[in-house]
C-alpha atoms as a PDB file:
ATOM      1  CA  MET A   1     138.511  -1.009-158.051  1.00  0.00           C
ATOM      2  CA  ASP A   2     136.213   0.417-155.334  1.00  0.00           C
ATOM      3  CA  PHE A   3     136.326   3.616-153.322  1.00  0.00           C
ATOM      4  CA  THR A   4     137.122   1.305-150.325  1.00  0.00           C
ATOM      5  CA  PHE A   5     140.405   0.365-151.616  1.00  0.00           C
ATOM      6  CA  LEU A   6     141.359   3.834-152.680  1.00  0.00           C
ATOM      7  CA  ILE A   7     140.641   5.241-149.150  1.00  0.00           C
ATOM      8  CA  VAL A   8     142.524   1.941-147.512  1.00  0.00           C
ATOM      9  CA  ILE A   9     145.615   2.387-149.476  1.00  0.00           C
ATOM     10  CA  PHE A  10     145.870   6.161-149.251  1.00  0.00           C
ATOM     11  CA  LEU A  11     145.363   6.092-145.306  1.00  0.00           C
ATOM     12  CA  ILE A  12     147.898   3.293-145.017  1.00  0.00           C
ATOM     13  CA  GLY A  13     150.493   5.557-147.176  1.00  0.00           C
ATOM     14  CA  PHE A  14     149.429   8.891-145.282  1.00  0.00           C
ATOM     15  CA  ILE A  15     149.949   7.370-141.631  1.00  0.00           C
ATOM     16  CA  GLY A  16     153.051   5.600-142.512  1.00  0.00           C
ATOM     17  CA  SER A  17     154.611   8.588-144.130  1.00  0.00           C
ATOM     18  CA  TYR A  18     153.605  11.029-141.365  1.00  0.00           C
ATOM     19  CA  ILE A  19     155.264   8.643-138.569  1.00  0.00           C
ATOM     20  CA  SER A  20     158.353   8.074-140.995  1.00  0.00           C
ATOM     21  CA  GLY A  21     159.012  11.693-141.652  1.00  0.00           C
ATOM     22  CA  MET A  22     158.887  12.303-137.892  1.00  0.00           C
ATOM     23  CA  VAL A  23     161.390   9.726-137.064  1.00  0.00           C
ATOM     24  CA  GLY A  24     163.546   9.500-140.233  1.00  0.00           C
ATOM     25  CA  ILE A  25     162.670   6.432-141.963  1.00  0.00           C
ATOM     26  CA  GLY A  26     161.327   5.627-145.460  1.00  0.00           C
ATOM     27  CA  GLY A  27     158.493   3.862-143.854  1.00  0.00           C
ATOM     28  CA  SER A  28     158.648   0.405-145.175  1.00  0.00           C
ATOM     29  CA  ILE A  29     158.954  -0.810-141.528  1.00  0.00           C
ATOM     30  CA  ILE A  30     155.636   0.510-141.116  1.00  0.00           C
ATOM     31  CA  LYS A  31     153.974   0.369-144.506  1.00  0.00           C
ATOM     32  CA  TYR A  32     155.108  -3.305-145.287  1.00  0.00           C
ATOM     33  CA  PRO A  33     152.864  -5.120-142.555  1.00  0.00           C
ATOM     34  CA  MET A  34     150.052  -2.526-143.006  1.00  0.00           C
ATOM     35  CA  LEU A  35     149.879  -3.552-146.707  1.00  0.00           C
ATOM     36  CA  LEU A  36     150.097  -7.284-145.939  1.00  0.00           C
ATOM     37  CA  TYR A  37     147.393  -7.432-142.984  1.00  0.00           C
ATOM     38  CA  ILE A  38     144.995  -4.394-143.622  1.00  0.00           C
ATOM     39  CA  PRO A  39     143.506  -4.566-146.838  1.00  0.00           C
ATOM     40  CA  PRO A  40     141.959  -8.183-146.041  1.00  0.00           C
ATOM     41  CA  LEU A  41     140.426  -6.605-142.836  1.00  0.00           C
ATOM     42  CA  PHE A  42     138.325  -4.608-145.305  1.00  0.00           C
ATOM     43  CA  GLY A  43     137.455  -7.380-147.470  1.00  0.00           C
ATOM     44  CA  LEU A  44     139.665  -6.420-150.203  1.00  0.00           C
ATOM     45  CA  ALA A  45     142.220  -8.790-151.994  1.00  0.00           C
ATOM     46  CA  SER A  46     145.407  -9.393-150.101  1.00  0.00           C
ATOM     47  CA  PHE A  47     148.880  -8.466-151.678  1.00  0.00           C
ATOM     48  CA  SER A  48     151.759 -11.118-152.192  1.00  0.00           C
ATOM     49  CA  ALA A  49     154.993 -10.229-150.124  1.00  0.00           C
ATOM     50  CA  HIS A  50     156.430  -9.531-153.600  1.00  0.00           C
ATOM     51  CA  GLU A  51     153.641  -7.003-154.519  1.00  0.00           C
ATOM     52  CA  VAL A  52     154.129  -5.382-151.275  1.00  0.00           C
ATOM     53  CA  SER A  53     157.983  -4.990-151.473  1.00  0.00           C
ATOM     54  CA  GLY A  54     157.620  -3.374-154.851  1.00  0.00           C
ATOM     55  CA  ILE A  55     155.132  -1.071-153.741  1.00  0.00           C
ATOM     56  CA  SER A  56     156.883  -0.190-150.881  1.00  0.00           C
ATOM     57  CA  ALA A  57     160.217   0.416-153.084  1.00  0.00           C
ATOM     58  CA  VAL A  58     158.481   3.093-155.106  1.00  0.00           C
ATOM     59  CA  GLN A  59     156.692   4.708-152.226  1.00  0.00           C
ATOM     60  CA  VAL A  60     159.658   5.142-150.091  1.00  0.00           C
ATOM     61  CA  PHE A  61     161.509   6.912-153.040  1.00  0.00           C
ATOM     62  CA  PHE A  62     159.004   9.893-152.830  1.00  0.00           C
ATOM     63  CA  ALA A  63     158.173   9.780-149.203  1.00  0.00           C
ATOM     64  CA  THR A  64     161.919  10.570-148.315  1.00  0.00           C
ATOM     65  CA  ILE A  65     162.372  13.415-150.846  1.00  0.00           C
ATOM     66  CA  GLY A  66     159.518  15.235-148.769  1.00  0.00           C
ATOM     67  CA  GLY A  67     161.332  14.392-145.617  1.00  0.00           C
ATOM     68  CA  VAL A  68     164.651  15.672-146.611  1.00  0.00           C
ATOM     69  CA  TRP A  69     163.327  18.813-148.084  1.00  0.00           C
ATOM     70  CA  ALA A  70     161.664  19.451-144.546  1.00  0.00           C
ATOM     71  CA  TYR A  71     164.939  18.891-142.993  1.00  0.00           C
ATOM     72  CA  ARG A  72     167.255  21.048-145.761  1.00  0.00           C
ATOM     73  CA  LYS A  73     167.756  24.002-143.276  1.00  0.00           C
ATOM     74  CA  GLY A  74     169.425  23.788-139.569  1.00  0.00           C
ATOM     75  CA  GLY A  75     172.660  21.791-140.137  1.00  0.00           C
ATOM     76  CA  TYR A  76     170.892  18.600-139.607  1.00  0.00           C
ATOM     77  CA  LEU A  77     172.274  16.817-143.000  1.00  0.00           C
ATOM     78  CA  ASN A  78     175.782  15.437-142.627  1.00  0.00           C
ATOM     79  CA  LYS A  79     177.174  15.615-146.038  1.00  0.00           C
ATOM     80  CA  THR A  80     180.070  13.276-145.691  1.00  0.00           C
ATOM     81  CA  LEU A  81     177.803  10.673-144.030  1.00  0.00           C
ATOM     82  CA  ILE A  82     175.571  10.836-146.904  1.00  0.00           C
ATOM     83  CA  ILE A  83     178.319  10.248-149.568  1.00  0.00           C
ATOM     84  CA  TYR A  84     179.726   7.317-147.640  1.00  0.00           C
ATOM     85  CA  MET A  85     176.710   5.435-146.569  1.00  0.00           C
ATOM     86  CA  GLY A  86     174.498   6.729-149.590  1.00  0.00           C
ATOM     87  CA  SER A  87     177.001   5.197-152.272  1.00  0.00           C
ATOM     88  CA  ALA A  88     177.477   1.877-150.472  1.00  0.00           C
ATOM     89  CA  ILE A  89     173.697   1.185-149.678  1.00  0.00           C
ATOM     90  CA  LEU A  90     172.773   2.148-153.206  1.00  0.00           C
ATOM     91  CA  ILE A  91     175.131  -0.821-154.438  1.00  0.00           C
ATOM     92  CA  GLY A  92     174.053  -2.940-151.718  1.00  0.00           C
ATOM     93  CA  SER A  93     169.992  -2.264-152.579  1.00  0.00           C
ATOM     94  CA  LEU A  94     170.632  -2.678-156.232  1.00  0.00           C
ATOM     95  CA  ILE A  95     172.147  -6.421-155.498  1.00  0.00           C
ATOM     96  CA  GLY A  96     169.355  -7.056-153.037  1.00  0.00           C
ATOM     97  CA  SER A  97     166.402  -6.213-155.007  1.00  0.00           C
ATOM     98  CA  TYR A  98     167.743  -7.841-158.143  1.00  0.00           C
ATOM     99  CA  GLY A  99     168.401 -10.981-156.210  1.00  0.00           C
ATOM    100  CA  SER A 100     164.909 -10.865-154.407  1.00  0.00           C
ATOM    101  CA  ARG A 101     163.125 -12.271-157.824  1.00  0.00           C
ATOM    102  CA  PHE A 102     164.901 -15.680-157.021  1.00  0.00           C
ATOM    103  CA  MET A 103     163.392 -15.760-153.436  1.00  0.00           C
ATOM    104  CA  SER A 104     160.158 -17.158-152.169  1.00  0.00           C
ATOM    105  CA  GLU A 105     157.662 -15.306-150.378  1.00  0.00           C
ATOM    106  CA  GLY A 106     158.816 -17.013-146.861  1.00  0.00           C
ATOM    107  CA  GLY A 107     162.211 -16.118-147.557  1.00  0.00           C
ATOM    108  CA  ILE A 108     161.327 -12.351-148.173  1.00  0.00           C
ATOM    109  CA  ASN A 109     159.420 -12.256-144.988  1.00  0.00           C
ATOM    110  CA  LEU A 110     162.120 -14.193-143.000  1.00  0.00           C
ATOM    111  CA  VAL A 111     164.866 -11.601-144.508  1.00  0.00           C
ATOM    112  CA  TYR A 112     162.329  -8.890-143.317  1.00  0.00           C
ATOM    113  CA  GLY A 113     161.757 -10.470-139.792  1.00  0.00           C
ATOM    114  CA  VAL A 114     165.679 -10.793-139.006  1.00  0.00           C
ATOM    115  CA  LEU A 115     166.421  -7.338-140.288  1.00  0.00           C
ATOM    116  CA  ALA A 116     163.464  -5.877-137.973  1.00  0.00           C
ATOM    117  CA  LEU A 117     164.584  -8.070-135.028  1.00  0.00           C
ATOM    118  CA  ILE A 118     168.184  -6.709-135.033  1.00  0.00           C
ATOM    119  CA  ALA A 119     167.007  -3.156-135.310  1.00  0.00           C
ATOM    120  CA  ALA A 120     164.658  -3.649-132.534  1.00  0.00           C
ATOM    121  CA  VAL A 121     167.325  -4.964-130.127  1.00  0.00           C
ATOM    122  CA  MET A 122     169.800  -1.913-131.047  1.00  0.00           C
ATOM    123  CA  MET A 123     167.254   0.347-130.559  1.00  0.00           C
ATOM    124  CA  PHE A 124     166.869  -0.395-126.940  1.00  0.00           C
ATOM    125  CA  VAL A 125     170.740  -0.104-126.384  1.00  0.00           C
ATOM    126  CA  PRO A 126     171.343   3.145-123.936  1.00  0.00           C
ATOM    127  CA  LYS A 127     172.365   5.974-125.957  1.00  0.00           C
ATOM    128  CA  LYS A 128     173.615   8.578-123.194  1.00  0.00           C
ATOM    129  CA  GLY A 129     174.974  11.942-124.073  1.00  0.00           C
ATOM    130  CA  LEU A 130     174.440  11.729-128.016  1.00  0.00           C
ATOM    131  CA  ASP A 131     172.543  14.875-128.099  1.00  0.00           C
ATOM    132  CA  ASP A 132     175.122  16.653-126.189  1.00  0.00           C
ATOM    133  CA  ILE A 133     177.352  16.789-129.284  1.00  0.00           C
ATOM    134  CA  PRO A 134     177.208  19.925-131.169  1.00  0.00           C
ATOM    135  CA  LEU A 135     176.340  19.197-134.939  1.00  0.00           C
ATOM    136  CA  ASP A 136     179.248  20.635-136.304  1.00  0.00           C
ATOM    137  CA  GLN A 137     181.668  18.560-134.260  1.00  0.00           C
ATOM    138  CA  VAL A 138     180.184  15.260-135.201  1.00  0.00           C
ATOM    139  CA  LYS A 139     183.011  12.631-135.985  1.00  0.00           C
ATOM    140  CA  PHE A 140     182.587   8.914-137.185  1.00  0.00           C
ATOM    141  CA  ASN A 141     184.458   6.227-138.855  1.00  0.00           C
ATOM    142  CA  LYS A 142     183.659   6.605-142.405  1.00  0.00           C
ATOM    143  CA  TRP A 143     184.628   3.122-143.736  1.00  0.00           C
ATOM    144  CA  LEU A 144     182.811   1.361-140.905  1.00  0.00           C
ATOM    145  CA  ALA A 145     179.820   3.413-141.750  1.00  0.00           C
ATOM    146  CA  ALA A 146     180.154   2.327-145.565  1.00  0.00           C
ATOM    147  CA  PHE A 147     180.450  -1.363-144.919  1.00  0.00           C
ATOM    148  CA  PHE A 148     177.280  -1.301-142.541  1.00  0.00           C
ATOM    149  CA  ALA A 149     175.263   0.523-145.274  1.00  0.00           C
ATOM    150  CA  LEU A 150     176.188  -2.051-147.821  1.00  0.00           C
ATOM    151  CA  VAL A 151     175.098  -4.837-145.674  1.00  0.00           C
ATOM    152  CA  VAL A 152     172.038  -3.102-144.858  1.00  0.00           C
ATOM    153  CA  GLY A 153     171.228  -2.008-148.587  1.00  0.00           C
ATOM    154  CA  VAL A 154     171.555  -5.966-149.698  1.00  0.00           C
ATOM    155  CA  GLY A 155     168.636  -7.066-147.030  1.00  0.00           C
ATOM    156  CA  ALA A 156     166.627  -3.588-147.816  1.00  0.00           C
ATOM    157  CA  GLY A 157     166.679  -4.121-151.208  1.00  0.00           C
ATOM    158  CA  ILE A 158     165.383  -7.700-151.093  1.00  0.00           C
ATOM    159  CA  VAL A 159     162.227  -6.733-148.885  1.00  0.00           C
ATOM    160  CA  GLY A 160     161.613  -3.376-150.919  1.00  0.00           C
ATOM    161  CA  ALA A 161     162.609  -1.346-147.900  1.00  0.00           C
ATOM    162  CA  ALA A 162     165.104   1.473-148.124  1.00  0.00           C
ATOM    163  CA  GLY A 163     166.978   0.155-144.796  1.00  0.00           C
ATOM    164  CA  ALA A 164     166.259   3.344-142.334  1.00  0.00           C
ATOM    165  CA  PHE A 165     164.768   1.326-139.836  1.00  0.00           C
ATOM    166  CA  LEU A 166     168.283  -0.381-139.650  1.00  0.00           C
ATOM    167  CA  LEU A 167     170.312   2.599-140.579  1.00  0.00           C
ATOM    168  CA  VAL A 168     168.823   4.656-137.536  1.00  0.00           C
ATOM    169  CA  PRO A 169     169.982   2.227-134.879  1.00  0.00           C
ATOM    170  CA  ILE A 170     173.426   1.953-136.466  1.00  0.00           C
ATOM    171  CA  MET A 171     173.729   5.558-136.604  1.00  0.00           C
ATOM    172  CA  LEU A 172     172.895   5.926-133.158  1.00  0.00           C
ATOM    173  CA  VAL A 173     174.432   3.152-131.502  1.00  0.00           C
ATOM    174  CA  VAL A 174     177.496   2.297-133.554  1.00  0.00           C
ATOM    175  CA  LEU A 175     178.337   5.673-135.028  1.00  0.00           C
ATOM    176  CA  LYS A 176     177.352   7.859-132.342  1.00  0.00           C
ATOM    177  CA  ILE A 177     175.547  10.415-134.260  1.00  0.00           C
ATOM    178  CA  PRO A 178     173.092  12.963-132.528  1.00  0.00           C
ATOM    179  CA  THR A 179     169.471  12.077-132.986  1.00  0.00           C
ATOM    180  CA  ARG A 180     168.077  14.959-135.123  1.00  0.00           C
ATOM    181  CA  MET A 181     171.163  14.537-137.395  1.00  0.00           C
ATOM    182  CA  THR A 182     170.533  10.834-137.752  1.00  0.00           C
ATOM    183  CA  ILE A 183     166.682  11.431-138.562  1.00  0.00           C
ATOM    184  CA  ALA A 184     167.465  13.957-141.123  1.00  0.00           C
ATOM    185  CA  THR A 185     170.752  12.186-142.439  1.00  0.00           C
ATOM    186  CA  SER A 186     168.990   8.885-142.587  1.00  0.00           C
ATOM    187  CA  LEU A 187     166.167  10.321-144.854  1.00  0.00           C
ATOM    188  CA  ALA A 188     168.802  11.460-147.364  1.00  0.00           C
ATOM    189  CA  ILE A 189     170.499   7.988-147.380  1.00  0.00           C
ATOM    190  CA  THR A 190     167.225   6.279-147.557  1.00  0.00           C
ATOM    191  CA  PHE A 191     166.372   8.351-150.537  1.00  0.00           C
ATOM    192  CA  ILE A 192     169.676   7.271-152.224  1.00  0.00           C
ATOM    193  CA  SER A 193     169.157   3.671-151.065  1.00  0.00           C
ATOM    194  CA  SER A 194     165.443   3.844-152.814  1.00  0.00           C
ATOM    195  CA  ILE A 195     166.758   4.334-155.946  1.00  0.00           C
ATOM    196  CA  GLY A 196     168.453   0.810-156.239  1.00  0.00           C
ATOM    197  CA  SER A 197     165.528  -0.648-154.634  1.00  0.00           C
ATOM    198  CA  THR A 198     163.070   1.030-157.134  1.00  0.00           C
ATOM    199  CA  VAL A 199     164.828   0.413-160.136  1.00  0.00           C
ATOM    200  CA  GLY A 200     165.542  -3.430-159.206  1.00  0.00           C
ATOM    201  CA  LYS A 201     161.891  -3.904-158.369  1.00  0.00           C
ATOM    202  CA  VAL A 202     160.522  -1.920-161.648  1.00  0.00           C
ATOM    203  CA  ALA A 203     163.034  -3.773-163.777  1.00  0.00           C
ATOM    204  CA  THR A 204     161.964  -7.315-162.526  1.00  0.00           C
ATOM    205  CA  GLY A 205     158.198  -6.487-162.961  1.00  0.00           C
ATOM    206  CA  GLN A 206     157.340  -6.610-159.174  1.00  0.00           C
ATOM    207  CA  VAL A 207     155.324  -3.314-158.658  1.00  0.00           C
ATOM    208  CA  ASP A 208     151.564  -2.894-158.932  1.00  0.00           C
ATOM    209  CA  TYR A 209     151.612   0.711-160.100  1.00  0.00           C
ATOM    210  CA  ILE A 210     147.938   1.820-159.175  1.00  0.00           C
ATOM    211  CA  PRO A 211     148.059   1.161-155.327  1.00  0.00           C
ATOM    212  CA  ALA A 212     152.042   2.556-155.685  1.00  0.00           C
ATOM    213  CA  ALA A 213     150.605   5.745-157.242  1.00  0.00           C
ATOM    214  CA  ILE A 214     148.146   6.225-154.276  1.00  0.00           C
ATOM    215  CA  MET A 215     150.858   5.591-151.917  1.00  0.00           C
ATOM    216  CA  ILE A 216     152.941   8.146-153.598  1.00  0.00           C
ATOM    217  CA  VAL A 217     150.410  10.832-153.432  1.00  0.00           C
ATOM    218  CA  ALA A 218     149.846  10.428-149.939  1.00  0.00           C
ATOM    219  CA  SER A 219     153.666  10.123-149.007  1.00  0.00           C
ATOM    220  CA  LEU A 220     154.119  13.655-150.805  1.00  0.00           C
ATOM    221  CA  ILE A 221     151.537  15.164-148.556  1.00  0.00           C
ATOM    222  CA  ALA A 222     152.247  13.476-145.207  1.00  0.00           C
ATOM    223  CA  SER A 223     156.238  12.983-145.050  1.00  0.00           C
ATOM    224  CA  PRO A 224     157.073  16.803-144.893  1.00  0.00           C
ATOM    225  CA  LEU A 225     154.210  17.273-142.320  1.00  0.00           C
ATOM    226  CA  GLY A 226     155.758  14.495-140.347  1.00  0.00           C
ATOM    227  CA  ALA A 227     159.364  15.901-140.504  1.00  0.00           C
ATOM    228  CA  ASN A 228     158.211  19.233-139.253  1.00  0.00           C
ATOM    229  CA  ALA A 229     156.551  17.806-136.442  1.00  0.00           C
ATOM    230  CA  GLY A 230     159.354  15.735-135.437  1.00  0.00           C
ATOM    231  CA  LYS A 231     161.745  18.879-135.204  1.00  0.00           C
ATOM    232  CA  LYS A 232     159.430  19.968-132.336  1.00  0.00           C
ATOM    233  CA  VAL A 233     159.523  16.595-130.333  1.00  0.00           C
ATOM    234  CA  ASN A 234     161.973  15.628-127.703  1.00  0.00           C
ATOM    235  CA  THR A 235     164.384  13.465-129.041  1.00  0.00           C
ATOM    236  CA  LYS A 236     163.981  10.686-126.278  1.00  0.00           C
ATOM    237  CA  ILE A 237     160.250  10.512-127.552  1.00  0.00           C
ATOM    238  CA  LEU A 238     161.472  10.154-130.984  1.00  0.00           C
ATOM    239  CA  GLN A 239     163.908   7.243-130.013  1.00  0.00           C
ATOM    240  CA  ILE A 240     161.098   5.631-128.036  1.00  0.00           C
ATOM    241  CA  ILE A 241     158.228   5.743-131.036  1.00  0.00           C
ATOM    242  CA  LEU A 242     160.790   4.338-133.374  1.00  0.00           C
ATOM    243  CA  ALA A 243     161.987   1.529-131.054  1.00  0.00           C
ATOM    244  CA  VAL A 244     158.235   0.572-130.513  1.00  0.00           C
ATOM    245  CA  LEU A 245     157.339   0.661-133.958  1.00  0.00           C
ATOM    246  CA  ILE A 246     160.342  -1.699-134.874  1.00  0.00           C
ATOM    247  CA  LEU A 247     159.876  -3.934-131.980  1.00  0.00           C
ATOM    248  CA  GLY A 248     156.097  -4.364-132.836  1.00  0.00           C
ATOM    249  CA  THR A 249     156.782  -5.052-136.260  1.00  0.00           C
ATOM    250  CA  SER A 250     159.445  -7.478-135.774  1.00  0.00           C
ATOM    251  CA  ILE A 251     156.988  -9.353-133.145  1.00  0.00           C
ATOM    252  CA  LYS A 252     154.114  -9.669-135.667  1.00  0.00           C
ATOM    253  CA  ILE A 253     156.136 -10.703-138.572  1.00  0.00           C
ATOM    254  CA  TRP A 254     157.914 -13.574-136.403  1.00  0.00           C
ATOM    255  CA  MET A 255     154.498 -14.779-135.583  1.00  0.00           C
ATOM    256  CA  ASP A 256     153.358 -15.223-138.764  1.00  0.00           C
ATOM    257  CA  ILE A 257     157.109 -17.026-139.864  1.00  0.00           C
ATOM    258  CA  LEU A 258     156.725 -19.492-136.749  1.00  0.00           C
END
């Protein structure tokens, strides 16, 4: 293992975790394609889809810890939403991550592409008046939230993501949760989801531990920094950043599939 490999993997983890902490996602939507496509550009060996999904699952677990810690004050964390969506997505991610061992490389990428496309479409749906709702007056359908979280968990578990790139659009568009509460709460739910994904990937031998360890170190440094930056950025800009990231990733994945 050479110095270039260490630097490239660390920077992928750092950049992805900073952005993910800022917009309230675990970061797989960013780091999955980065791990697939960037190492070969530097003459490094490429990772398989199974290896990338395994590394992503472990890294997201630690990245979300840092993000949640940064948002622990200010009333941004909706505990009811965390309980309902967190428990449902944990079950789904365990099912998905275990079942992924029976899927082909192309199958994993196809699931990822479908999820990213759905999320991209949802992010461009108008969200007027969301951020006018006081945080202590937010209401939502608990069982609808749990249902969507279960479905997201299965798909996210397959690709080694924690599902926040789908959770955020669902919380904004379907459940009508204000942007900053969505960002903070989705990080907490993503942390719970990543437990299932991580356990499933480790148990089925899909984790390359050295690059995963490098990504973890980068995540613990960058995620809190990104979360603190996100508190100061206009919510409309945060929504645009996330929408562009999801759309760009979706286009790239589908170009490769087709």
